[in-house]
Amino acid sequence: MEHPFNEKDFWERYWRLMVPDTIPRGAKLPIFSHALGCKLFAVDGGVYTDWCSQVGIINIGHGNRLFRKICYEYERQKYEANLRNEPELLESLIASDFPFSFEITVDGKTIEISQPALVEMLARHTFGCTTKIMKQVDGGKMVNTILSKFIPWLTKKRLGLAFDGAFHGRPGYALTATMSKSVHKEGFLVPDGIFHLPYPCGSQKVLDECYQQLKRLPLADIGYVIFELVQGEGGIIPADFYTVEFLNYLWGKKILLVDDDIQTGFGRTGTWFAFQQYGIKPDIVLGSKSFASGYPIAFAAFDSLNPRLAGHENFPEGGDSSTFQWNPEGVLKAIATIYALEEKKPEYGGGDLVGHGKDMGEILAIGIERVIAQSFPDGNSAIGLFCIHRKLGLHQGVEFRERRPDGSDIPAPQFCDVVLARLLKCGIVTMGAGNSNINPTIRFMPPLVVTEKEIGEFLHALETSLVHIQHSMK
């Protein structure tokens, strides 16, 4: 007979043994053990729906069948070889200096597992047959490698640009580029060399301010601008034509465009990468998170024929090296993820998962707008609460604000927190975004396999939560 799970003991051990992370001390959160599709199953028997995809990691859904078949075949071959005391397929190497290649067969199709095979798959969705990549173990380290090594070496310029509200990771220059919350940097040793500008989005006034601030900077010494086309941690803020205008202006000043598509890549916004919706061609595209569906692996992709990157082939050997980068198991899971995203299925109308995600994003957007309109028929509630909905594909968020008697409005993080807690009680697992002092937001980004039925259940939970908050806080 299995012993009942001791939740109190779990949390006591957790806080005693772990350095504090992003889970607030004392938080009463479900403890999960299983998952399938968009569903999460807790150890206490509770069933929840995943509406944050671990911040954009599980785009293909939990337990995706094709992904599992590829991974299972790999493990099966290793296990059977081990039973026969024969050499088994690689899962790690003695060092990243040694190449590898092997094959597995799934549903009669032979799949090559190697680093070149993975790049060829990425090339279909980035820069075509002239795609070249740099590899790393995770997104933050990839950002740091590009900003602190590759671009300064290539351009001989050591300064860069980033935007307020950005989140690019925590290692080294990734943390320097980050500016979404002060807590990310407080008390830490952070490198300098990156200037932050307002995110050029939403109005001509903000765009003009960017140009004014740019005039005060040593433009000739700036080698790059790093940007997100949807600021995720910054509050789910999609770029618009002001953003594109400013990026094109910087491109004309010979500043390299570094697109951080780490959270928005692999179908999250309705296309394979967010930049494909904006009519810009970044010099470098960064990807990670959903690249291997939770396994740590990252890349920086660029067009090897791009004259702005001339000389890249002479980058010092080992300049981007890391012990665990692009190991056999990581490459296998990235290849399996891309196969799962490309698979055409009847339930997706004969299309692939990226197209299905785009369709579901449109349905979700209409539904959220309807819920907000019904909850606040006069634009705001009796308690002064109103919401701002922002969206691109299945990357959506709702910001909470409070109307003051004089007609002005202020951030309303207290409402945001109550709605988050209420959604969790309704079985919806998601997370906040934005800065509580500027734009407190709840993000909604389910796996791309989400169904219309699950969207309907979510919309009911959201409507119930908004009604609850208006009654409970009068």
Protein backbone atom coordinates (compact mmCIF):
# COMPACT_ATOMS: atom_id res chain seq x y z
CA MET A 1 0.00 0.00 0.00
CA GLU A 2 1.37 3.41 -0.96
CA HIS A 3 2.00 5.91 1.80
CA PRO A 4 -0.17 9.06 1.56
CA PHE A 5 1.76 12.10 0.36
CA ASN A 6 2.78 14.35 3.24
CA GLU A 7 2.43 17.87 1.83
CA LYS A 8 3.52 19.57 5.05
CA ASP A 9 6.69 17.50 5.16
CA PHE A 10 7.40 18.25 1.49
CA TRP A 11 7.28 22.02 2.00
CA GLU A 12 9.33 21.84 5.20
CA ARG A 13 12.06 19.96 3.32
CA TYR A 14 11.74 22.27 0.33
CA TRP A 15 12.40 25.47 2.28
CA ARG A 16 15.06 23.86 4.46
CA LEU A 17 17.08 22.41 1.58
CA MET A 18 16.58 24.87 -1.28
CA VAL A 19 18.01 28.33 -1.86
CA PRO A 20 15.02 30.68 -2.43
CA ASP A 21 13.84 30.82 -6.04
CA THR A 22 10.78 32.24 -7.78
CA ILE A 23 8.29 30.41 -5.55
CA PRO A 24 7.21 32.82 -2.77
CA ARG A 25 7.98 31.49 0.70
CA GLY A 26 4.82 30.21 2.33
CA ALA A 27 2.94 29.93 -0.97
CA LYS A 28 0.28 27.22 -1.00
CA LEU A 29 0.72 25.80 -4.47
CA PRO A 30 -0.30 22.44 -5.94
CA ILE A 31 2.44 19.83 -6.10
CA PHE A 32 2.27 18.10 -9.48
CA SER A 33 3.25 14.57 -10.42
CA HIS A 34 1.75 13.90 -13.89
CA ALA A 35 0.67 15.79 -17.00
CA LEU A 36 -0.96 15.15 -20.36
CA GLY A 37 -1.80 17.64 -23.11
CA CYS A 38 -2.82 20.78 -21.20
CA LYS A 39 -3.74 18.92 -18.01
CA LEU A 40 -1.68 18.85 -14.81
CA PHE A 41 -2.34 16.27 -12.10
CA ALA A 42 -1.49 17.05 -8.48
CA VAL A 43 -0.43 14.58 -5.80
CA ASP A 44 -3.60 15.35 -3.82
CA GLY A 45 -5.78 14.24 -6.74
CA GLY A 46 -6.50 17.72 -8.07
CA VAL A 47 -6.69 18.24 -11.84
CA TYR A 48 -5.61 21.58 -13.32
CA THR A 49 -5.16 23.13 -16.76
CA ASP A 50 -1.77 24.56 -17.71
CA TRP A 51 -2.18 28.16 -18.88
CA CYS A 52 1.46 29.23 -18.76
CA SER A 53 3.28 26.26 -20.41
CA GLN A 54 6.05 26.71 -17.85
CA VAL A 55 6.52 30.20 -19.34
CA GLY A 56 6.49 29.04 -22.94
CA ILE A 57 8.44 25.79 -22.63
CA ILE A 58 5.85 23.08 -23.35
CA ASN A 59 4.45 24.40 -26.63
CA ILE A 60 3.80 20.89 -27.99
CA GLY A 61 1.84 19.95 -24.88
CA HIS A 62 2.67 17.54 -22.09
CA GLY A 63 3.20 13.97 -23.27
CA ASN A 64 3.01 14.78 -26.99
CA ARG A 65 2.65 11.38 -28.66
CA LEU A 66 5.10 11.81 -31.55
CA PHE A 67 7.67 13.43 -29.26
CA ARG A 68 7.29 10.51 -26.85
CA LYS A 69 7.57 7.90 -29.63
CA ILE A 70 10.87 9.35 -30.81
CA CYS A 71 12.24 9.56 -27.27
CA TYR A 72 10.89 6.09 -26.43
CA GLU A 73 12.57 4.50 -29.45
CA TYR A 74 15.85 6.07 -28.41
CA GLU A 75 15.53 4.74 -24.85
CA ARG A 76 14.33 1.32 -26.07
CA GLN A 77 17.36 0.84 -28.28
CA LYS A 78 19.68 1.85 -25.46
CA TYR A 79 17.98 -0.44 -22.96
CA GLU A 80 17.93 -3.49 -25.22
CA ALA A 81 21.58 -2.99 -26.16
CA ASN A 82 22.40 -2.76 -22.47
CA LEU A 83 20.59 -6.04 -21.77
CA ARG A 84 22.66 -7.71 -24.49
CA ASN A 85 25.82 -6.13 -23.08
CA GLU A 86 26.33 -4.34 -26.40
CA PRO A 87 27.35 -0.72 -27.03
CA GLU A 88 24.33 1.56 -26.68
CA LEU A 89 23.36 4.87 -28.27
CA LEU A 90 25.04 7.93 -26.81
CA GLU A 91 23.33 10.17 -24.27
CA SER A 92 26.40 12.20 -23.33
CA LEU A 93 29.97 12.67 -24.53
CA ILE A 94 33.29 12.90 -22.74
CA ALA A 95 33.60 16.46 -24.05
CA SER A 96 31.81 18.80 -26.43
CA ASP A 97 34.81 18.55 -28.80
CA PHE A 98 33.66 15.16 -30.13
CA PRO A 99 30.93 14.85 -32.80
CA PHE A 100 28.19 12.22 -32.83
CA SER A 101 25.62 10.79 -35.22
CA PHE A 102 23.19 7.88 -34.99
CA GLU A 103 19.80 6.89 -36.38
CA ILE A 104 16.50 5.73 -34.94
CA THR A 105 13.42 4.54 -36.83
CA VAL A 106 9.89 5.66 -35.91
CA ASP A 107 6.79 4.63 -37.90
CA GLY A 108 9.04 3.40 -40.71
CA LYS A 109 10.86 6.74 -40.96
CA THR A 110 14.60 6.88 -40.29
CA ILE A 111 15.59 9.91 -38.24
CA GLU A 112 19.18 11.12 -38.07
CA ILE A 113 20.20 12.39 -34.64
CA SER A 114 23.13 14.75 -35.06
CA GLN A 115 23.90 18.43 -34.68
CA PRO A 116 23.95 19.11 -38.47
CA ALA A 117 20.57 17.36 -38.83
CA LEU A 118 19.08 19.63 -36.17
CA VAL A 119 20.47 22.78 -37.83
CA GLU A 120 18.97 21.67 -41.16
CA MET A 121 15.57 21.42 -39.46
CA LEU A 122 15.98 24.86 -37.88
CA ALA A 123 17.00 26.29 -41.25
CA ARG A 124 13.56 25.50 -42.67
CA HIS A 125 12.07 27.99 -40.24
CA THR A 126 14.77 30.67 -39.98
CA PHE A 127 17.17 31.70 -42.79
CA GLY A 128 16.98 28.77 -45.19
CA CYS A 129 19.91 26.78 -46.51
CA THR A 130 22.45 29.49 -45.59
CA THR A 131 21.54 29.29 -41.89
CA LYS A 132 24.42 28.96 -39.44
CA ILE A 133 24.09 28.58 -35.69
CA MET A 134 26.00 29.04 -32.48
CA LYS A 135 25.00 26.61 -29.76
CA GLN A 136 24.59 26.88 -26.01
CA VAL A 137 23.05 25.06 -23.09
CA ASP A 138 20.28 27.55 -22.24
CA GLY A 139 18.80 30.86 -23.31
CA GLY A 140 20.45 33.13 -20.75
CA LYS A 141 23.91 31.78 -21.53
CA MET A 142 23.20 32.13 -25.25
CA VAL A 143 22.31 35.80 -24.77
CA ASN A 144 25.47 36.34 -22.72
CA THR A 145 27.64 34.63 -25.36
CA ILE A 146 26.26 36.78 -28.18
CA LEU A 147 26.41 40.10 -26.30
CA SER A 148 29.70 39.65 -24.46
CA LYS A 149 31.71 37.63 -27.00
CA PHE A 150 30.42 37.22 -30.54
CA ILE A 151 29.24 40.75 -31.37
CA PRO A 152 32.08 42.65 -29.61
CA TRP A 153 34.62 40.40 -31.33
CA LEU A 154 32.92 40.79 -34.74
CA THR A 155 32.17 44.53 -34.68
CA LYS A 156 34.94 45.74 -32.34
CA LYS A 157 32.16 47.63 -30.53
CA ARG A 158 31.50 46.92 -26.86
CA LEU A 159 28.32 48.91 -26.26
CA GLY A 160 24.74 47.85 -26.91
CA LEU A 161 21.09 48.85 -26.60
CA ALA A 162 18.16 47.19 -24.85
CA PHE A 163 14.70 48.32 -23.78
CA ASP A 164 12.90 49.06 -20.54
CA GLY A 165 10.64 46.17 -19.57
CA ALA A 166 12.91 43.59 -21.20
CA PHE A 167 13.85 40.22 -19.76
CA HIS A 168 16.75 38.41 -21.42
CA GLY A 169 17.94 36.09 -18.66
CA ARG A 170 20.18 36.20 -15.61
CA PRO A 171 23.77 35.25 -16.60
CA GLY A 172 26.24 38.09 -17.22
CA TYR A 173 25.24 40.48 -20.00
CA ALA A 174 21.81 38.86 -20.24
CA LEU A 175 21.15 40.35 -16.81
CA THR A 176 22.59 43.70 -17.92
CA ALA A 177 20.10 43.76 -20.80
CA THR A 178 17.21 42.83 -18.49
CA MET A 179 15.09 45.71 -17.17
CA SER A 180 11.67 44.31 -16.26
CA LYS A 181 11.97 44.29 -12.46
CA SER A 182 14.57 45.79 -10.13
CA VAL A 183 14.60 42.60 -8.04
CA HIS A 184 16.41 40.84 -10.89
CA LYS A 185 19.52 42.96 -10.24
CA GLU A 186 19.43 44.17 -6.64
CA GLY A 187 22.68 43.43 -4.82
CA PHE A 188 24.24 41.58 -7.75
CA LEU A 189 27.45 42.35 -9.64
CA VAL A 190 26.13 43.32 -13.08
CA PRO A 191 28.38 44.19 -16.06
CA ASP A 192 27.88 47.56 -17.73
CA GLY A 193 27.92 48.60 -21.38
CA ILE A 194 24.22 48.43 -22.31
CA PHE A 195 22.01 51.53 -22.58
CA HIS A 196 18.28 51.15 -21.98
CA LEU A 197 15.66 53.05 -23.96
CA PRO A 198 11.87 53.15 -23.56
CA TYR A 199 10.22 50.28 -25.41
CA PRO A 200 9.13 52.01 -28.66
CA CYS A 201 5.54 50.84 -28.65
CA GLY A 202 2.07 52.31 -28.31
CA SER A 203 2.48 55.95 -29.28
CA GLN A 204 4.43 58.47 -31.33
CA LYS A 205 5.37 60.17 -28.05
CA VAL A 206 7.29 57.11 -26.84
CA LEU A 207 8.97 56.71 -30.22
CA ASP A 208 10.04 60.37 -30.20
CA GLU A 209 11.51 59.90 -26.72
CA CYS A 210 13.57 56.98 -28.02
CA TYR A 211 15.00 59.14 -30.78
CA GLN A 212 15.77 61.94 -28.32
CA GLN A 213 17.60 59.62 -25.93
CA LEU A 214 19.47 58.03 -28.81
CA LYS A 215 20.93 61.43 -29.73
CA ARG A 216 22.68 61.55 -26.35
CA LEU A 217 24.41 58.19 -26.85
CA PRO A 218 27.73 57.37 -28.61
CA LEU A 219 26.00 55.77 -31.59
CA ALA A 220 29.24 54.99 -33.43
CA ASP A 221 30.32 52.75 -30.54
CA ILE A 222 27.07 50.76 -30.31
CA GLY A 223 27.21 47.35 -31.96
CA TYR A 224 23.75 45.88 -31.36
CA VAL A 225 20.23 46.24 -30.05
CA ILE A 226 18.61 43.25 -28.35
CA PHE A 227 14.83 43.14 -28.26
CA GLU A 228 11.73 41.01 -27.71
CA LEU A 229 8.87 41.38 -30.17
CA VAL A 230 6.56 40.46 -27.32
CA GLN A 231 7.85 41.57 -23.95
CA GLY A 232 6.72 38.57 -21.91
CA GLU A 233 8.04 39.18 -18.42
CA GLY A 234 7.53 42.89 -19.10
CA GLY A 235 3.74 42.45 -19.26
CA ILE A 236 2.87 40.69 -22.57
CA ILE A 237 3.47 43.77 -24.72
CA PRO A 238 3.56 42.99 -28.46
CA ALA A 239 5.59 45.21 -30.77
CA ASP A 240 3.77 47.49 -33.20
CA PHE A 241 4.65 49.71 -36.17
CA TYR A 242 6.46 52.17 -33.86
CA THR A 243 8.73 49.33 -32.75
CA VAL A 244 9.39 48.25 -36.32
CA GLU A 245 10.15 51.83 -37.40
CA PHE A 246 12.71 52.25 -34.63
CA LEU A 247 14.37 48.88 -35.28
CA ASN A 248 14.61 49.66 -38.99
CA TYR A 249 16.18 53.02 -38.14
CA LEU A 250 18.81 51.28 -35.99
CA TRP A 251 19.42 48.76 -38.77
CA GLY A 252 20.13 51.68 -41.10
CA LYS A 253 22.71 52.93 -38.60
CA LYS A 254 24.57 49.60 -38.96
CA ILE A 255 23.49 48.40 -35.52
CA LEU A 256 22.95 44.63 -35.46
CA LEU A 257 19.40 43.50 -34.67
CA VAL A 258 19.37 40.67 -32.11
CA ASP A 259 15.90 39.15 -31.84
CA ASP A 260 15.30 37.38 -28.52
CA ASP A 261 12.67 34.85 -29.64
CA ILE A 262 13.43 32.59 -26.67
CA GLN A 263 9.93 32.78 -25.17
CA THR A 264 8.04 33.59 -28.38
CA GLY A 265 9.61 30.99 -30.67
CA PHE A 266 8.29 27.68 -31.98
CA GLY A 267 4.71 28.68 -32.69
CA ARG A 268 3.88 30.66 -29.56
CA THR A 269 2.73 33.77 -31.45
CA GLY A 270 1.10 32.05 -34.46
CA THR A 271 4.24 31.73 -36.60
CA TRP A 272 7.41 29.74 -36.00
CA PHE A 273 9.13 32.88 -34.71
CA ALA A 274 7.67 36.25 -33.78
CA PHE A 275 9.90 38.23 -36.17
CA GLN A 276 8.16 36.55 -39.11
CA GLN A 277 5.03 38.62 -38.40
CA TYR A 278 6.68 42.03 -38.43
CA GLY A 279 8.42 42.33 -41.78
CA ILE A 280 11.89 42.64 -40.30
CA LYS A 281 14.90 40.42 -40.85
CA PRO A 282 16.99 40.31 -37.69
CA ASP A 283 20.70 39.71 -38.00
CA ILE A 284 20.62 37.14 -35.20
CA VAL A 285 17.69 35.12 -33.80
CA LEU A 286 17.92 33.55 -30.34
CA GLY A 287 15.92 30.47 -29.36
CA SER A 288 15.62 28.15 -26.36
CA LYS A 289 12.79 27.26 -23.89
CA SER A 290 10.37 25.32 -26.14
CA PHE A 291 13.21 24.33 -28.51
CA ALA A 292 13.49 20.92 -26.81
CA SER A 293 10.28 20.98 -24.74
CA GLY A 294 11.93 21.55 -21.39
CA TYR A 295 15.38 20.10 -22.01
CA PRO A 296 18.14 22.76 -21.69
CA ILE A 297 19.45 23.65 -25.14
CA ALA A 298 19.70 26.97 -27.00
CA PHE A 299 20.86 28.49 -30.29
CA ALA A 300 21.69 31.73 -32.05
CA ALA A 301 20.82 31.54 -35.75
CA PHE A 302 21.95 33.86 -38.53
CA ASP A 303 22.34 34.00 -42.30
CA SER A 304 25.91 33.06 -43.14
CA LEU A 305 25.73 35.28 -46.26
CA ASN A 306 24.66 38.36 -44.30
CA PRO A 307 27.33 40.98 -45.16
CA ARG A 308 26.73 42.67 -41.79
CA LEU A 309 28.18 39.53 -40.17
CA ALA A 310 31.15 39.20 -42.52
CA GLY A 311 34.09 37.52 -40.81
CA HIS A 312 31.97 35.38 -38.49
CA GLU A 313 33.72 32.27 -39.82
CA ASN A 314 36.92 33.41 -38.09
CA PHE A 315 35.35 33.53 -34.62
CA PRO A 316 37.84 31.90 -32.20
CA GLU A 317 37.37 28.17 -31.78
CA GLY A 318 35.70 27.40 -28.47
CA GLY A 319 34.46 30.96 -28.06
CA ASP A 320 30.92 29.68 -27.54
CA SER A 321 31.82 26.37 -25.90
CA SER A 322 30.02 24.96 -22.87
CA THR A 323 30.25 21.51 -21.28
CA PHE A 324 26.68 20.34 -21.85
CA GLN A 325 25.68 22.25 -24.97
CA TRP A 326 23.93 20.31 -27.72
CA ASN A 327 24.64 16.89 -26.22
CA PRO A 328 23.03 13.83 -27.86
CA GLU A 329 19.96 13.75 -25.61
CA GLY A 330 19.32 17.48 -26.01
CA VAL A 331 19.66 17.27 -29.79
CA LEU A 332 17.32 14.26 -29.87
CA LYS A 333 14.62 16.12 -27.92
CA ALA A 334 14.95 19.26 -30.04
CA ILE A 335 14.57 17.18 -33.21
CA ALA A 336 11.57 15.39 -31.67
CA THR A 337 10.01 18.76 -30.79
CA ILE A 338 10.33 20.09 -34.34
CA TYR A 339 8.83 16.88 -35.74
CA ALA A 340 5.91 17.28 -33.32
CA LEU A 341 5.36 20.90 -34.38
CA GLU A 342 5.52 20.02 -38.09
CA GLU A 343 3.24 16.96 -37.88
CA LYS A 344 0.02 17.45 -39.84
CA LYS A 345 -3.05 16.01 -38.11
CA PRO A 346 -6.79 15.83 -38.88
CA GLU A 347 -7.66 17.50 -35.57
CA TYR A 348 -5.66 20.53 -36.73
CA GLY A 349 -7.73 20.75 -39.90
CA GLY A 350 -5.00 18.92 -41.80
CA GLY A 351 -2.46 21.54 -40.78
CA ASP A 352 0.32 21.53 -38.23
CA LEU A 353 0.49 22.48 -34.57
CA VAL A 354 1.74 26.01 -35.29
CA GLY A 355 -1.32 26.72 -37.43
CA HIS A 356 -3.60 25.18 -34.80
CA GLY A 357 -2.05 27.41 -32.16
CA LYS A 358 -2.72 30.46 -34.32
CA ASP A 359 -6.39 29.46 -34.72
CA MET A 360 -6.78 28.87 -30.98
CA GLY A 361 -5.13 32.22 -30.27
CA GLU A 362 -7.79 34.00 -32.32
CA ILE A 363 -10.58 32.15 -30.49
CA LEU A 364 -9.00 32.94 -27.12
CA ALA A 365 -8.60 36.64 -27.97
CA ILE A 366 -12.26 36.99 -28.96
CA GLY A 367 -13.30 35.19 -25.79
CA ILE A 368 -11.20 37.33 -23.44
CA GLU A 369 -12.51 40.52 -25.06
CA ARG A 370 -16.07 39.26 -24.58
CA VAL A 371 -15.49 38.38 -20.91
CA ILE A 372 -13.96 41.80 -20.20
CA ALA A 373 -16.83 43.59 -21.97
CA GLN A 374 -19.44 41.61 -20.05
CA SER A 375 -17.65 42.03 -16.72
CA PHE A 376 -17.17 45.79 -17.16
CA PRO A 377 -20.03 46.96 -19.38
CA ASP A 378 -19.24 50.64 -18.68
CA GLY A 379 -15.52 50.19 -19.19
CA ASN A 380 -14.78 49.73 -15.49
CA SER A 381 -16.38 48.18 -12.41
CA ALA A 382 -18.02 49.74 -9.36
CA ILE A 383 -14.70 49.41 -7.54
CA GLY A 384 -12.86 51.24 -10.31
CA LEU A 385 -11.22 48.14 -11.75
CA PHE A 386 -10.65 47.84 -15.48
CA CYS A 387 -8.56 45.56 -17.67
CA ILE A 388 -6.33 45.98 -20.72
CA HIS A 389 -6.01 42.93 -22.97
CA ARG A 390 -2.85 42.41 -25.07
CA LYS A 391 -2.21 39.55 -27.45
CA LEU A 392 -0.21 37.90 -30.20
CA GLY A 393 -1.15 34.30 -31.00
CA LEU A 394 -1.29 32.23 -27.81
CA HIS A 395 0.85 34.80 -26.01
CA GLN A 396 -1.80 36.88 -24.23
CA GLY A 397 -2.17 38.86 -21.04
CA VAL A 398 -4.59 41.03 -19.10
CA GLU A 399 -3.35 44.06 -17.18
CA PHE A 400 -5.26 45.26 -14.11
CA ARG A 401 -5.70 48.97 -13.39
CA GLU A 402 -7.80 51.09 -11.05
CA ARG A 403 -9.68 54.23 -12.06
CA ARG A 404 -9.38 57.12 -9.61
CA PRO A 405 -12.17 59.64 -8.86
CA ASP A 406 -10.28 62.34 -10.79
CA GLY A 407 -10.32 60.18 -13.94
CA SER A 408 -6.67 59.11 -13.76
CA ASP A 409 -5.71 55.47 -13.33
CA ILE A 410 -3.04 53.56 -11.43
CA PRO A 411 -1.70 49.99 -11.42
CA ALA A 412 -3.86 47.56 -9.42
CA PRO A 413 -1.61 44.68 -8.33
CA GLN A 414 -3.98 43.81 -5.46
CA PHE A 415 -6.69 42.87 -7.96
CA CYS A 416 -4.20 40.97 -10.09
CA ASP A 417 -3.14 38.83 -7.11
CA VAL A 418 -6.74 38.05 -6.11
CA VAL A 419 -7.68 36.99 -9.64
CA LEU A 420 -4.58 34.78 -9.89
CA ALA A 421 -5.53 33.04 -6.65
CA ARG A 422 -9.15 32.67 -7.75
CA LEU A 423 -8.14 31.19 -11.10
CA LEU A 424 -6.02 28.62 -9.28
CA LYS A 425 -9.05 27.63 -7.20
CA CYS A 426 -10.89 27.16 -10.50
CA GLY A 427 -8.14 24.82 -11.71
CA ILE A 428 -6.27 27.31 -13.91
CA VAL A 429 -2.49 27.37 -13.44
CA THR A 430 -0.83 30.52 -14.70
CA MET A 431 1.51 33.30 -13.60
CA GLY A 432 1.80 37.03 -13.29
CA ALA A 433 3.87 39.25 -15.56
CA GLY A 434 4.79 42.90 -15.76
CA ASN A 435 5.90 45.21 -12.97
CA SER A 436 3.45 45.52 -10.06
CA ASN A 437 4.22 49.25 -9.85
CA ILE A 438 3.67 49.85 -13.57
CA ASN A 439 1.58 47.21 -15.35
CA PRO A 440 0.52 44.22 -13.19
CA THR A 441 -0.54 41.54 -15.65
CA ILE A 442 -1.68 37.92 -15.73
CA ARG A 443 -0.31 35.92 -18.64
CA PHE A 444 -2.32 33.35 -20.60
CA MET A 445 -0.16 31.09 -22.76
CA PRO A 446 -1.38 27.48 -22.83
CA PRO A 447 0.31 24.73 -24.85
CA LEU A 448 -0.48 24.97 -28.56
CA VAL A 449 -2.54 21.76 -28.31
CA VAL A 450 -5.22 23.60 -26.30
CA THR A 451 -8.75 22.85 -27.51
CA GLU A 452 -11.83 25.04 -27.93
CA LYS A 453 -13.40 23.16 -25.01
CA GLU A 454 -10.45 23.99 -22.75
CA ILE A 455 -10.57 27.62 -23.87
CA GLY A 456 -14.27 27.70 -23.00
CA GLU A 457 -13.55 26.29 -19.53
CA PHE A 458 -10.84 28.88 -19.02
CA LEU A 459 -13.09 31.77 -20.10
CA HIS A 460 -15.74 30.62 -17.64
CA ALA A 461 -13.11 30.56 -14.86
CA LEU A 462 -11.90 34.04 -15.84
CA GLU A 463 -15.43 35.44 -15.85
CA THR A 464 -16.16 33.82 -12.48
CA SER A 465 -12.95 35.28 -11.05
CA LEU A 466 -13.73 38.80 -12.28
CA VAL A 467 -17.25 38.60 -10.82
CA HIS A 468 -15.83 37.31 -7.53
CA ILE A 469 -13.33 40.15 -7.22
CA GLN A 470 -16.00 42.80 -7.75
CA HIS A 471 -18.22 41.33 -5.04
CA SER A 472 -15.47 40.58 -2.54
CA MET A 473 -13.68 43.96 -2.74
CA LYS A 474 -16.63 46.37 -2.67
